[in-house]
C-alpha atoms as a PDB file:
ATOM      1  CA  MET A   1     234.024 135.813  67.790  1.00  0.00           C
ATOM      2  CA  MET A   2     235.930 138.907  68.889  1.00  0.00           C
ATOM      3  CA  ARG A   3     236.744 142.429  67.751  1.00  0.00           C
ATOM      4  CA  SER A   4     240.304 143.141  66.624  1.00  0.00           C
ATOM      5  CA  VAL A   5     242.052 146.150  65.074  1.00  0.00           C
ATOM      6  CA  THR A   6     243.755 145.424  61.744  1.00  0.00           C
ATOM      7  CA  LEU A   7     246.487 147.510  60.120  1.00  0.00           C
ATOM      8  CA  ARG A   8     245.549 147.199  56.454  1.00  0.00           C
ATOM      9  CA  ALA A   9     248.027 149.670  54.964  1.00  0.00           C
ATOM     10  CA  PRO A  10     249.919 152.748  56.155  1.00  0.00           C
ATOM     11  CA  GLY A  11     247.347 155.129  57.585  1.00  0.00           C
ATOM     12  CA  GLU A  12     244.520 152.597  57.270  1.00  0.00           C
ATOM     13  CA  LEU A  13     243.010 150.768  60.259  1.00  0.00           C
ATOM     14  CA  SER A  14     239.853 148.691  60.450  1.00  0.00           C
ATOM     15  CA  LEU A  15     237.946 147.067  63.307  1.00  0.00           C
ATOM     16  CA  ASP A  16     237.147 143.497  62.297  1.00  0.00           C
ATOM     17  CA  THR A  17     235.272 140.581  63.802  1.00  0.00           C
ATOM     18  CA  ILE A  18     237.406 137.437  63.780  1.00  0.00           C
ATOM     19  CA  PRO A  19     237.397 134.026  65.522  1.00  0.00           C
ATOM     20  CA  VAL A  20     238.740 133.823  69.071  1.00  0.00           C
ATOM     21  CA  PRO A  21     242.051 131.887  68.993  1.00  0.00           C
ATOM     22  CA  GLU A  22     242.356 128.553  70.767  1.00  0.00           C
ATOM     23  CA  PRO A  23     245.499 128.068  72.864  1.00  0.00           C
ATOM     24  CA  GLY A  24     247.784 125.157  72.031  1.00  0.00           C
ATOM     25  CA  PRO A  25     250.269 123.457  74.384  1.00  0.00           C
ATOM     26  CA  GLY A  26     251.790 125.974  76.778  1.00  0.00           C
ATOM     27  CA  GLU A  27     249.921 128.892  75.214  1.00  0.00           C
ATOM     28  CA  LEU A  28     247.763 131.479  76.958  1.00  0.00           C
ATOM     29  CA  LEU A  29     244.554 133.112  75.791  1.00  0.00           C
ATOM     30  CA  ILE A  30     244.283 136.489  77.488  1.00  0.00           C
ATOM     31  CA  GLN A  31     241.148 138.543  77.800  1.00  0.00           C
ATOM     32  CA  VAL A  32     242.712 141.944  77.222  1.00  0.00           C
ATOM     33  CA  ARG A  33     242.040 144.491  79.961  1.00  0.00           C
ATOM     34  CA  ALA A  34     244.485 147.113  78.709  1.00  0.00           C
ATOM     35  CA  ALA A  35     246.608 147.586  75.591  1.00  0.00           C
ATOM     36  CA  THR A  36     248.792 150.660  75.309  1.00  0.00           C
ATOM     37  CA  THR A  37     249.862 152.446  72.163  1.00  0.00           C
ATOM     38  CA  CYS A  38     253.504 152.365  71.156  1.00  0.00           C
ATOM     39  CA  GLY A  39     255.915 154.385  69.051  1.00  0.00           C
ATOM     40  CA  THR A  40     256.666 151.299  66.957  1.00  0.00           C
ATOM     41  CA  ASP A  41     252.971 150.880  66.178  1.00  0.00           C
ATOM     42  CA  LEU A  42     252.826 154.556  65.251  1.00  0.00           C
ATOM     43  CA  LYS A  43     255.743 154.051  62.840  1.00  0.00           C
ATOM     44  CA  ALA A  44     253.952 151.059  61.323  1.00  0.00           C
ATOM     45  CA  TRP A  45     250.758 153.086  60.941  1.00  0.00           C
ATOM     46  CA  ARG A  46     252.679 155.915  59.300  1.00  0.00           C
ATOM     47  CA  ARG A  47     254.881 154.015  56.856  1.00  0.00           C
ATOM     48  CA  GLY A  48     254.883 150.291  57.596  1.00  0.00           C
ATOM     49  CA  HIS A  49     257.313 148.208  59.642  1.00  0.00           C
ATOM     50  CA  PRO A  50     259.318 145.087  58.697  1.00  0.00           C
ATOM     51  CA  GLN A  51     258.205 143.252  61.854  1.00  0.00           C
ATOM     52  CA  ILE A  52     254.499 144.127  61.527  1.00  0.00           C
ATOM     53  CA  PRO A  53     252.883 142.498  58.474  1.00  0.00           C
ATOM     54  CA  MET A  54     250.107 144.263  56.566  1.00  0.00           C
ATOM     55  CA  PRO A  55     247.307 143.520  56.544  1.00  0.00           C
ATOM     56  CA  GLY A  56     247.576 142.135  60.043  1.00  0.00           C
ATOM     57  CA  PRO A  57     246.778 142.619  63.739  1.00  0.00           C
ATOM     58  CA  LEU A  58     248.290 145.530  65.645  1.00  0.00           C
ATOM     59  CA  GLY A  59     249.376 146.110  69.229  1.00  0.00           C
ATOM     60  CA  HIS A  60     251.906 144.378  71.495  1.00  0.00           C
ATOM     61  CA  GLU A  61     251.733 146.092  74.918  1.00  0.00           C
ATOM     62  CA  TYR A  62     249.146 144.285  77.007  1.00  0.00           C
ATOM     63  CA  SER A  63     247.774 143.045  80.284  1.00  0.00           C
ATOM     64  CA  GLY A  64     244.660 141.081  81.119  1.00  0.00           C
ATOM     65  CA  ASP A  65     243.148 137.957  82.624  1.00  0.00           C
ATOM     66  CA  ILE A  66     243.709 134.375  81.504  1.00  0.00           C
ATOM     67  CA  ALA A  67     240.600 133.182  79.648  1.00  0.00           C
ATOM     68  CA  ALA A  68     241.940 129.776  78.572  1.00  0.00           C
ATOM     69  CA  VAL A  69     245.206 127.836  78.687  1.00  0.00           C
ATOM     70  CA  GLY A  70     246.824 125.094  76.681  1.00  0.00           C
ATOM     71  CA  THR A  71     248.140 121.911  78.249  1.00  0.00           C
ATOM     72  CA  GLY A  72     251.241 122.485  80.348  1.00  0.00           C
ATOM     73  CA  ALA A  73     250.747 126.246  80.702  1.00  0.00           C
ATOM     74  CA  LYS A  74     252.250 127.800  83.830  1.00  0.00           C
ATOM     75  CA  PHE A  75     249.199 129.972  84.573  1.00  0.00           C
ATOM     76  CA  ASP A  76     245.595 129.175  85.457  1.00  0.00           C
ATOM     77  CA  VAL A  77     242.328 130.498  84.080  1.00  0.00           C
ATOM     78  CA  GLY A  78     241.450 133.733  85.858  1.00  0.00           C
ATOM     79  CA  ASP A  79     245.026 134.744  86.666  1.00  0.00           C
ATOM     80  CA  PRO A  80     245.774 138.439  86.040  1.00  0.00           C
ATOM     81  CA  VAL A  81     248.882 138.632  83.854  1.00  0.00           C
ATOM     82  CA  MET A  82     251.241 141.039  82.140  1.00  0.00           C
ATOM     83  CA  GLY A  83     253.871 140.248  79.566  1.00  0.00           C
ATOM     84  CA  VAL A  84     255.988 141.320  76.628  1.00  0.00           C
ATOM     85  CA  HIS A  85     255.790 140.363  72.978  1.00  0.00           C
ATOM     86  CA  SER A  86     258.937 138.272  72.488  1.00  0.00           C
ATOM     87  CA  ALA A  87     261.309 135.825  74.152  1.00  0.00           C
ATOM     88  CA  PRO A  88     264.734 134.419  73.245  1.00  0.00           C
ATOM     89  CA  CYS A  89     265.335 130.798  72.239  1.00  0.00           C
ATOM     90  CA  GLY A  90     267.949 130.165  74.944  1.00  0.00           C
ATOM     91  CA  GLU A  91     270.076 128.068  72.580  1.00  0.00           C
ATOM     92  CA  CYS A  92     271.677 130.241  69.881  1.00  0.00           C
ATOM     93  CA  ARG A  93     275.206 131.679  70.124  1.00  0.00           C
ATOM     94  CA  TRP A  94     273.954 135.016  71.496  1.00  0.00           C
ATOM     95  CA  CYS A  95     271.774 133.395  74.151  1.00  0.00           C
ATOM     96  CA  GLN A  96     274.709 131.201  75.161  1.00  0.00           C
ATOM     97  CA  ALA A  97     276.932 134.296  75.322  1.00  0.00           C
ATOM     98  CA  ASP A  98     274.516 135.920  77.809  1.00  0.00           C
ATOM     99  CA  GLN A  99     273.164 138.322  75.176  1.00  0.00           C
ATOM    100  CA  PRO A 100     269.578 137.038  74.891  1.00  0.00           C
ATOM    101  CA  ASN A 101     268.362 140.413  73.619  1.00  0.00           C
ATOM    102  CA  LEU A 102     270.332 139.653  70.423  1.00  0.00           C
ATOM    103  CA  CYS A 103     268.861 136.140  70.017  1.00  0.00           C
ATOM    104  CA  GLU A 104     268.856 135.241  66.326  1.00  0.00           C
ATOM    105  CA  SER A 105     265.197 134.179  66.407  1.00  0.00           C
ATOM    106  CA  ILE A 106     263.771 136.558  69.010  1.00  0.00           C
ATOM    107  CA  MET A 107     261.379 138.146  66.507  1.00  0.00           C
ATOM    108  CA  GLU A 108     260.288 134.926  64.824  1.00  0.00           C
ATOM    109  CA  THR A 109     257.769 134.137  67.569  1.00  0.00           C
ATOM    110  CA  LYS A 110     256.068 137.262  68.826  1.00  0.00           C
ATOM    111  CA  VAL A 111     252.809 138.683  70.081  1.00  0.00           C
ATOM    112  CA  LEU A 112     250.815 140.883  67.744  1.00  0.00           C
ATOM    113  CA  GLY A 113     247.179 141.850  68.079  1.00  0.00           C
ATOM    114  CA  ALA A 114     246.831 143.361  71.546  1.00  0.00           C
ATOM    115  CA  TYR A 115     244.270 145.847  70.212  1.00  0.00           C
ATOM    116  CA  ALA A 116     241.580 143.204  70.512  1.00  0.00           C
ATOM    117  CA  GLU A 117     239.267 141.565  73.005  1.00  0.00           C
ATOM    118  CA  TYR A 118     241.457 138.456  73.238  1.00  0.00           C
ATOM    119  CA  LEU A 119     245.154 137.850  72.647  1.00  0.00           C
ATOM    120  CA  LEU A 120     247.037 134.580  72.114  1.00  0.00           C
ATOM    121  CA  VAL A 121     250.466 134.395  73.772  1.00  0.00           C
ATOM    122  CA  PRO A 122     252.798 131.704  72.343  1.00  0.00           C
ATOM    123  CA  ALA A 123     254.306 129.180  74.759  1.00  0.00           C
ATOM    124  CA  ARG A 124     257.855 130.486  74.273  1.00  0.00           C
ATOM    125  CA  ILE A 125     256.819 133.904  75.552  1.00  0.00           C
ATOM    126  CA  ALA A 126     254.372 132.639  78.169  1.00  0.00           C
ATOM    127  CA  ASN A 127     257.057 130.445  79.738  1.00  0.00           C
ATOM    128  CA  VAL A 128     259.808 133.081  79.863  1.00  0.00           C
ATOM    129  CA  ASN A 129     258.447 136.620  79.762  1.00  0.00           C
ATOM    130  CA  ALA A 130     254.958 136.607  81.283  1.00  0.00           C
ATOM    131  CA  TYR A 131     254.229 137.467  84.920  1.00  0.00           C
ATOM    132  CA  ARG A 132     251.334 137.464  87.321  1.00  0.00           C
ATOM    133  CA  LYS A 133     250.118 141.045  87.724  1.00  0.00           C
ATOM    134  CA  PRO A 134     250.457 142.433  91.258  1.00  0.00           C
ATOM    135  CA  GLU A 135     247.038 143.113  92.755  1.00  0.00           C
ATOM    136  CA  LYS A 136     247.653 146.819  93.365  1.00  0.00           C
ATOM    137  CA  LEU A 137     249.116 147.507  89.911  1.00  0.00           C
ATOM    138  CA  PRO A 138     246.471 148.883  87.503  1.00  0.00           C
ATOM    139  CA  TYR A 139     246.072 147.005  84.225  1.00  0.00           C
ATOM    140  CA  ALA A 140     246.958 150.122  82.215  1.00  0.00           C
ATOM    141  CA  GLU A 141     250.342 150.481  83.906  1.00  0.00           C
ATOM    142  CA  ALA A 142     250.947 146.734  83.802  1.00  0.00           C
ATOM    143  CA  ALA A 143     250.641 146.980  80.011  1.00  0.00           C
ATOM    144  CA  LEU A 144     253.733 149.225  80.028  1.00  0.00           C
ATOM    145  CA  LEU A 145     255.970 146.275  80.947  1.00  0.00           C
ATOM    146  CA  GLU A 146     257.262 145.923  77.364  1.00  0.00           C
ATOM    147  CA  PRO A 147     258.534 149.483  76.790  1.00  0.00           C
ATOM    148  CA  LEU A 148     259.874 149.581  80.341  1.00  0.00           C
ATOM    149  CA  ALA A 149     261.801 146.369  79.590  1.00  0.00           C
ATOM    150  CA  CYS A 150     263.491 148.182  76.675  1.00  0.00           C
ATOM    151  CA  VAL A 151     264.489 150.914  79.122  1.00  0.00           C
ATOM    152  CA  ALA A 152     265.648 148.337  81.669  1.00  0.00           C
ATOM    153  CA  GLN A 153     267.900 146.732  79.046  1.00  0.00           C
ATOM    154  CA  GLY A 154     269.620 150.079  78.594  1.00  0.00           C
ATOM    155  CA  ILE A 155     269.980 150.561  82.342  1.00  0.00           C
ATOM    156  CA  LEU A 156     271.443 147.079  82.773  1.00  0.00           C
ATOM    157  CA  GLU A 157     274.054 147.961  80.134  1.00  0.00           C
ATOM    158  CA  ILE A 158     274.878 151.208  81.939  1.00  0.00           C
ATOM    159  CA  GLN A 159     275.233 149.362  85.241  1.00  0.00           C
ATOM    160  CA  ARG A 160     277.464 146.748  83.619  1.00  0.00           C
ATOM    161  CA  ILE A 161     279.820 149.325  82.124  1.00  0.00           C
ATOM    162  CA  LEU A 162     279.868 151.678  85.112  1.00  0.00           C
ATOM    163  CA  ARG A 163     279.882 148.841  87.669  1.00  0.00           C
ATOM    164  CA  ASP A 164     276.653 149.937  89.348  1.00  0.00           C
ATOM    165  CA  GLN A 165     277.905 153.447  90.073  1.00  0.00           C
ATOM    166  CA  THR A 166     275.402 156.291  90.027  1.00  0.00           C
ATOM    167  CA  GLY A 167     275.867 159.927  89.105  1.00  0.00           C
ATOM    168  CA  SER A 168     274.427 162.572  86.823  1.00  0.00           C
ATOM    169  CA  VAL A 169     272.413 161.605  83.768  1.00  0.00           C
ATOM    170  CA  LEU A 170     270.877 163.709  81.025  1.00  0.00           C
ATOM    171  CA  VAL A 171     267.967 162.227  79.074  1.00  0.00           C
ATOM    172  CA  ILE A 172     267.244 164.013  75.795  1.00  0.00           C
ATOM    173  CA  GLY A 173     263.672 163.583  74.583  1.00  0.00           C
ATOM    174  CA  PRO A 174     260.667 163.708  76.953  1.00  0.00           C
ATOM    175  CA  GLY A 175     258.578 161.107  75.147  1.00  0.00           C
ATOM    176  CA  ALA A 176     257.353 157.918  76.784  1.00  0.00           C
ATOM    177  CA  ILE A 177     260.756 156.200  76.638  1.00  0.00           C
ATOM    178  CA  GLY A 178     262.698 159.254  77.816  1.00  0.00           C
ATOM    179  CA  LEU A 179     260.389 159.783  80.777  1.00  0.00           C
ATOM    180  CA  MET A 180     260.552 156.073  81.627  1.00  0.00           C
ATOM    181  CA  PHE A 181     264.346 156.325  81.648  1.00  0.00           C
ATOM    182  CA  GLY A 182     264.076 159.336  83.931  1.00  0.00           C
ATOM    183  CA  ALA A 183     261.669 157.632  86.327  1.00  0.00           C
ATOM    184  CA  MET A 184     263.546 154.336  86.488  1.00  0.00           C
ATOM    185  CA  LEU A 185     266.995 155.904  86.899  1.00  0.00           C
ATOM    186  CA  LYS A 186     265.649 158.224  89.589  1.00  0.00           C
ATOM    187  CA  GLN A 187     264.219 155.173  91.364  1.00  0.00           C
ATOM    188  CA  VAL A 188     267.699 153.598  91.569  1.00  0.00           C
ATOM    189  CA  GLY A 189     269.478 156.730  92.771  1.00  0.00           C
ATOM    190  CA  TRP A 190     270.625 158.727  89.740  1.00  0.00           C
ATOM    191  CA  ASP A 191     270.571 162.532  89.557  1.00  0.00           C
ATOM    192  CA  VAL A 192     268.355 162.881  86.476  1.00  0.00           C
ATOM    193  CA  THR A 193     267.589 165.761  84.131  1.00  0.00           C
ATOM    194  CA  VAL A 194     265.246 165.375  81.154  1.00  0.00           C
ATOM    195  CA  ALA A 195     265.574 167.919  78.339  1.00  0.00           C
ATOM    196  CA  GLY A 196     263.515 168.455  75.219  1.00  0.00           C
ATOM    197  CA  ARG A 197     261.429 170.803  73.112  1.00  0.00           C
ATOM    198  CA  ASN A 198     257.835 169.800  73.927  1.00  0.00           C
ATOM    199  CA  PRO A 199     256.629 171.901  76.913  1.00  0.00           C
ATOM    200  CA  GLU A 200     253.625 169.671  77.620  1.00  0.00           C
ATOM    201  CA  ARG A 201     255.801 166.576  77.896  1.00  0.00           C
ATOM    202  CA  LEU A 202     258.390 168.421  79.973  1.00  0.00           C
ATOM    203  CA  ALA A 203     255.556 169.358  82.340  1.00  0.00           C
ATOM    204  CA  ILE A 204     254.648 165.679  82.656  1.00  0.00           C
ATOM    205  CA  GLY A 205     258.256 164.963  83.622  1.00  0.00           C
ATOM    206  CA  ASN A 206     258.097 167.630  86.305  1.00  0.00           C
ATOM    207  CA  ALA A 207     254.830 166.120  87.560  1.00  0.00           C
ATOM    208  CA  MET A 208     256.655 162.789  87.880  1.00  0.00           C
ATOM    209  CA  GLY A 209     259.288 164.445  90.067  1.00  0.00           C
ATOM    210  CA  ILE A 210     261.905 164.450  87.303  1.00  0.00           C
ATOM    211  CA  PRO A 211     263.662 167.792  86.712  1.00  0.00           C
ATOM    212  CA  SER A 212     262.719 168.611  83.115  1.00  0.00           C
ATOM    213  CA  VAL A 213     263.938 171.635  81.170  1.00  0.00           C
ATOM    214  CA  PRO A 214     263.730 172.998  77.621  1.00  0.00           C
ATOM    215  CA  LEU A 215     266.751 171.855  75.630  1.00  0.00           C
ATOM    216  CA  THR A 216     267.522 175.502  74.817  1.00  0.00           C
ATOM    217  CA  ASP A 217     267.721 176.309  78.558  1.00  0.00           C
ATOM    218  CA  LEU A 218     269.863 173.328  79.483  1.00  0.00           C
ATOM    219  CA  GLN A 219     272.617 174.242  81.927  1.00  0.00           C
ATOM    220  CA  MET A 220     275.605 171.942  81.768  1.00  0.00           C
ATOM    221  CA  VAL A 221     276.779 170.382  85.006  1.00  0.00           C
ATOM    222  CA  PRO A 222     280.492 170.979  85.646  1.00  0.00           C
ATOM    223  CA  ASP A 223     282.567 168.999  83.133  1.00  0.00           C
ATOM    224  CA  GLY A 224     279.463 167.361  81.622  1.00  0.00           C
ATOM    225  CA  TYR A 225     277.124 164.521  82.555  1.00  0.00           C
ATOM    226  CA  ASP A 226     278.302 161.053  83.530  1.00  0.00           C
ATOM    227  CA  VAL A 227     275.711 159.546  81.193  1.00  0.00           C
ATOM    228  CA  VAL A 228     273.714 161.055  78.336  1.00  0.00           C
ATOM    229  CA  ILE A 229     270.787 159.109  76.877  1.00  0.00           C
ATOM    230  CA  GLU A 230     269.471 160.200  73.464  1.00  0.00           C
ATOM    231  CA  CYS A 231     265.805 159.272  72.987  1.00  0.00           C
ATOM    232  CA  THR A 232     264.650 161.350  70.018  1.00  0.00           C
ATOM    233  CA  GLY A 233     266.061 159.271  67.179  1.00  0.00           C
ATOM    234  CA  GLN A 234     266.982 162.447  65.287  1.00  0.00           C
ATOM    235  CA  VAL A 235     270.411 162.343  63.653  1.00  0.00           C
ATOM    236  CA  GLU A 236     271.226 165.960  64.466  1.00  0.00           C
ATOM    237  CA  VAL A 237     270.445 165.305  68.147  1.00  0.00           C
ATOM    238  CA  TRP A 238     272.594 162.144  68.076  1.00  0.00           C
ATOM    239  CA  GLU A 239     275.500 164.239  66.831  1.00  0.00           C
ATOM    240  CA  LYS A 240     274.967 167.040  69.358  1.00  0.00           C
ATOM    241  CA  SER A 241     274.541 164.692  72.334  1.00  0.00           C
ATOM    242  CA  ILE A 242     278.255 163.993  72.627  1.00  0.00           C
ATOM    243  CA  ASP A 243     278.804 167.617  73.649  1.00  0.00           C
ATOM    244  CA  TYR A 244     277.025 167.006  76.961  1.00  0.00           C
ATOM    245  CA  VAL A 245     279.091 163.985  78.106  1.00  0.00           C
ATOM    246  CA  ARG A 246     281.999 164.328  80.531  1.00  0.00           C
ATOM    247  CA  ARG A 247     285.447 162.901  79.812  1.00  0.00           C
ATOM    248  CA  GLY A 248     285.316 159.164  80.358  1.00  0.00           C
ATOM    249  CA  GLY A 249     281.517 159.265  80.265  1.00  0.00           C
ATOM    250  CA  LEU A 250     278.931 157.245  78.398  1.00  0.00           C
ATOM    251  CA  LEU A 251     276.641 158.255  75.540  1.00  0.00           C
ATOM    252  CA  MET A 252     273.667 155.953  74.970  1.00  0.00           C
ATOM    253  CA  LEU A 253     272.063 156.307  71.536  1.00  0.00           C
ATOM    254  CA  PHE A 254     268.666 154.827  72.299  1.00  0.00           C
ATOM    255  CA  GLY A 255     266.402 156.569  69.808  1.00  0.00           C
ATOM    256  CA  GLY A 256     266.520 154.930  66.377  1.00  0.00           C
ATOM    257  CA  PRO A 257     266.827 157.197  63.312  1.00  0.00           C
ATOM    258  CA  PRO A 258     265.270 156.111  59.988  1.00  0.00           C
ATOM    259  CA  GLY A 259     267.061 153.312  58.141  1.00  0.00           C
ATOM    260  CA  GLY A 260     269.891 154.329  55.865  1.00  0.00           C
ATOM    261  CA  THR A 261     270.790 157.506  57.752  1.00  0.00           C
ATOM    262  CA  GLN A 262     274.323 158.218  58.964  1.00  0.00           C
ATOM    263  CA  ALA A 263     275.680 160.238  61.875  1.00  0.00           C
ATOM    264  CA  SER A 264     279.027 161.975  62.411  1.00  0.00           C
ATOM    265  CA  PHE A 265     280.752 162.542  65.750  1.00  0.00           C
ATOM    266  CA  ASN A 266     283.627 164.660  66.981  1.00  0.00           C
ATOM    267  CA  THR A 267     286.444 162.140  66.695  1.00  0.00           C
ATOM    268  CA  HIS A 268     288.715 164.208  68.958  1.00  0.00           C
ATOM    269  CA  ARG A 269     286.210 163.916  71.796  1.00  0.00           C
ATOM    270  CA  LEU A 270     285.572 160.224  71.181  1.00  0.00           C
ATOM    271  CA  HIS A 271     289.263 159.358  71.243  1.00  0.00           C
ATOM    272  CA  TYR A 272     290.944 161.807  73.601  1.00  0.00           C
ATOM    273  CA  ASP A 273     288.054 162.046  76.052  1.00  0.00           C
ATOM    274  CA  GLN A 274     287.492 158.267  76.019  1.00  0.00           C
ATOM    275  CA  ILE A 275     283.737 158.454  75.569  1.00  0.00           C
ATOM    276  CA  THR A 276     281.852 155.177  75.380  1.00  0.00           C
ATOM    277  CA  LEU A 277     279.126 154.896  72.720  1.00  0.00           C
ATOM    278  CA  LEU A 278     276.349 152.416  73.444  1.00  0.00           C
ATOM    279  CA  SER A 279     273.211 151.573  71.492  1.00  0.00           C
ATOM    280  CA  PRO A 280     271.199 148.830  73.240  1.00  0.00           C
ATOM    281  CA  PHE A 281     268.758 146.703  71.273  1.00  0.00           C
ATOM    282  CA  HIS A 282     265.448 145.230  72.461  1.00  0.00           C
ATOM    283  CA  PHE A 283     265.539 143.329  75.784  1.00  0.00           C
ATOM    284  CA  GLY A 284     266.296 139.978  77.347  1.00  0.00           C
ATOM    285  CA  PRO A 285     264.592 138.166  80.245  1.00  0.00           C
ATOM    286  CA  PRO A 286     266.749 139.895  82.909  1.00  0.00           C
ATOM    287  CA  ALA A 287     265.532 143.277  81.639  1.00  0.00           C
ATOM    288  CA  VAL A 288     261.904 142.105  81.645  1.00  0.00           C
ATOM    289  CA  ARG A 289     262.287 140.967  85.252  1.00  0.00           C
ATOM    290  CA  LYS A 290     263.953 144.249  86.222  1.00  0.00           C
ATOM    291  CA  ALA A 291     261.057 146.184  84.665  1.00  0.00           C
ATOM    292  CA  TYR A 292     258.496 143.944  86.372  1.00  0.00           C
ATOM    293  CA  GLU A 293     260.173 144.402  89.756  1.00  0.00           C
ATOM    294  CA  ALA A 294     260.256 148.189  89.285  1.00  0.00           C
ATOM    295  CA  LEU A 295     256.516 148.296  88.585  1.00  0.00           C
ATOM    296  CA  ALA A 296     255.775 145.910  91.446  1.00  0.00           C
ATOM    297  CA  ALA A 297     257.845 148.148  93.755  1.00  0.00           C
ATOM    298  CA  GLY A 298     255.643 151.135  92.970  1.00  0.00           C
ATOM    299  CA  LEU A 299     257.250 152.897  89.992  1.00  0.00           C
ATOM    300  CA  ASP A 300     254.460 155.282  88.993  1.00  0.00           C
ATOM    301  CA  LEU A 301     254.080 155.648  85.224  1.00  0.00           C
ATOM    302  CA  SER A 302     250.438 156.734  85.311  1.00  0.00           C
ATOM    303  CA  PRO A 303     251.247 160.306  84.132  1.00  0.00           C
ATOM    304  CA  LEU A 304     252.283 158.815  80.777  1.00  0.00           C
ATOM    305  CA  ILE A 305     248.705 157.655  80.121  1.00  0.00           C
ATOM    306  CA  SER A 306     247.013 160.355  78.048  1.00  0.00           C
ATOM    307  CA  GLY A 307     243.557 158.785  78.000  1.00  0.00           C
ATOM    308  CA  VAL A 308     241.437 155.678  77.595  1.00  0.00           C
ATOM    309  CA  ARG A 309     239.890 154.851  74.226  1.00  0.00           C
ATOM    310  CA  PRO A 310     237.566 152.162  72.865  1.00  0.00           C
ATOM    311  CA  LEU A 311     238.729 150.043  69.932  1.00  0.00           C
ATOM    312  CA  GLU A 312     236.303 151.932  67.706  1.00  0.00           C
ATOM    313  CA  GLU A 313     238.506 155.014  68.087  1.00  0.00           C
ATOM    314  CA  ALA A 314     241.763 153.364  67.022  1.00  0.00           C
ATOM    315  CA  ALA A 315     242.094 155.397  63.824  1.00  0.00           C
ATOM    316  CA  ALA A 316     241.413 158.695  65.602  1.00  0.00           C
ATOM    317  CA  THR A 317     243.859 157.721  68.341  1.00  0.00           C
ATOM    318  CA  PHE A 318     246.720 157.240  65.901  1.00  0.00           C
ATOM    319  CA  GLU A 319     245.868 160.505  64.209  1.00  0.00           C
ATOM    320  CA  ASP A 320     246.182 162.183  67.614  1.00  0.00           C
ATOM    321  CA  LEU A 321     249.541 160.522  68.243  1.00  0.00           C
ATOM    322  CA  ALA A 322     250.818 161.508  64.808  1.00  0.00           C
ATOM    323  CA  ALA A 323     249.847 165.112  65.546  1.00  0.00           C
ATOM    324  CA  GLY A 324     251.726 165.049  68.872  1.00  0.00           C
ATOM    325  CA  ARG A 325     248.593 164.954  71.013  1.00  0.00           C
ATOM    326  CA  GLY A 326     249.243 162.717  73.996  1.00  0.00           C
ATOM    327  CA  ILE A 327     252.006 160.255  74.908  1.00  0.00           C
ATOM    328  CA  LYS A 328     250.300 156.888  75.364  1.00  0.00           C
ATOM    329  CA  TYR A 329     246.664 155.911  75.071  1.00  0.00           C
ATOM    330  CA  VAL A 330     245.036 152.816  76.527  1.00  0.00           C
ATOM    331  CA  PHE A 331     242.572 150.651  74.661  1.00  0.00           C
ATOM    332  CA  GLN A 332     240.238 148.804  77.031  1.00  0.00           C
ATOM    333  CA  PRO A 333     238.367 146.286  74.896  1.00  0.00           C
END
């Protein structure tokens, strides 16, 4: 038997004792060493989420050691591993068009339940999007592979459109994703500024070596930024973001507003200044590999970890996150 956190209803978590899963062909049973909290899980805790059934297990950012394997698995018992929670089919029209992040069944087979002592990883994910953890990479940071893969998907899209050029980039929103964008873009040579309203999170950006300023104090670079990345998911910030982009520049709308909302943009700027709008979704295997390689190369995301909690404190942890206390917490079952 094992302990596992269950999301029973919005705002209601329980710590249950359930059977340890048995891996089938190609599957992995991971003894969880670290599981990090996520903005998606916070949304589910607050109001529910279409991809996270209730009642059901919670958590999808993980790392750990292989406790058991099914026949044909590509890892061995005892291997330290890190992975993400989904993988494309490789066969649908989007996969064949080299857009695996848009795979029509990417969410049909996924990992849920990382806030537990053991986690079962389906063969589809284990074969495509799981990696051996580098020895020097802490388990807590290895668990950040999934959100960093989302960031890497956005960066791959930027590199595709701008043909690998670098320049000035403004990231709006100093949450976990915004600071990951800042760190990863800085690692590949961009001149990065992170702007936002939360002074504690801006201070974390500064501690990571990323110039971080209050949004109200933001000084425009001449003619605007080459790239602006919106990470707050607030409609009014979406609409304002276009003001910071140079002519011929790119505006990435990464943060997702609530369903059913609409945004308006200055059509004169969009048309006559030839601004590209981009809103990347999820990630494909190339983005997962890019994120893995960044972590393996020493990308330091440790300042994003706000503390370590036991599973017994899951409810209190999400209350802290909802109140804006901390960025990411680590459960170490």
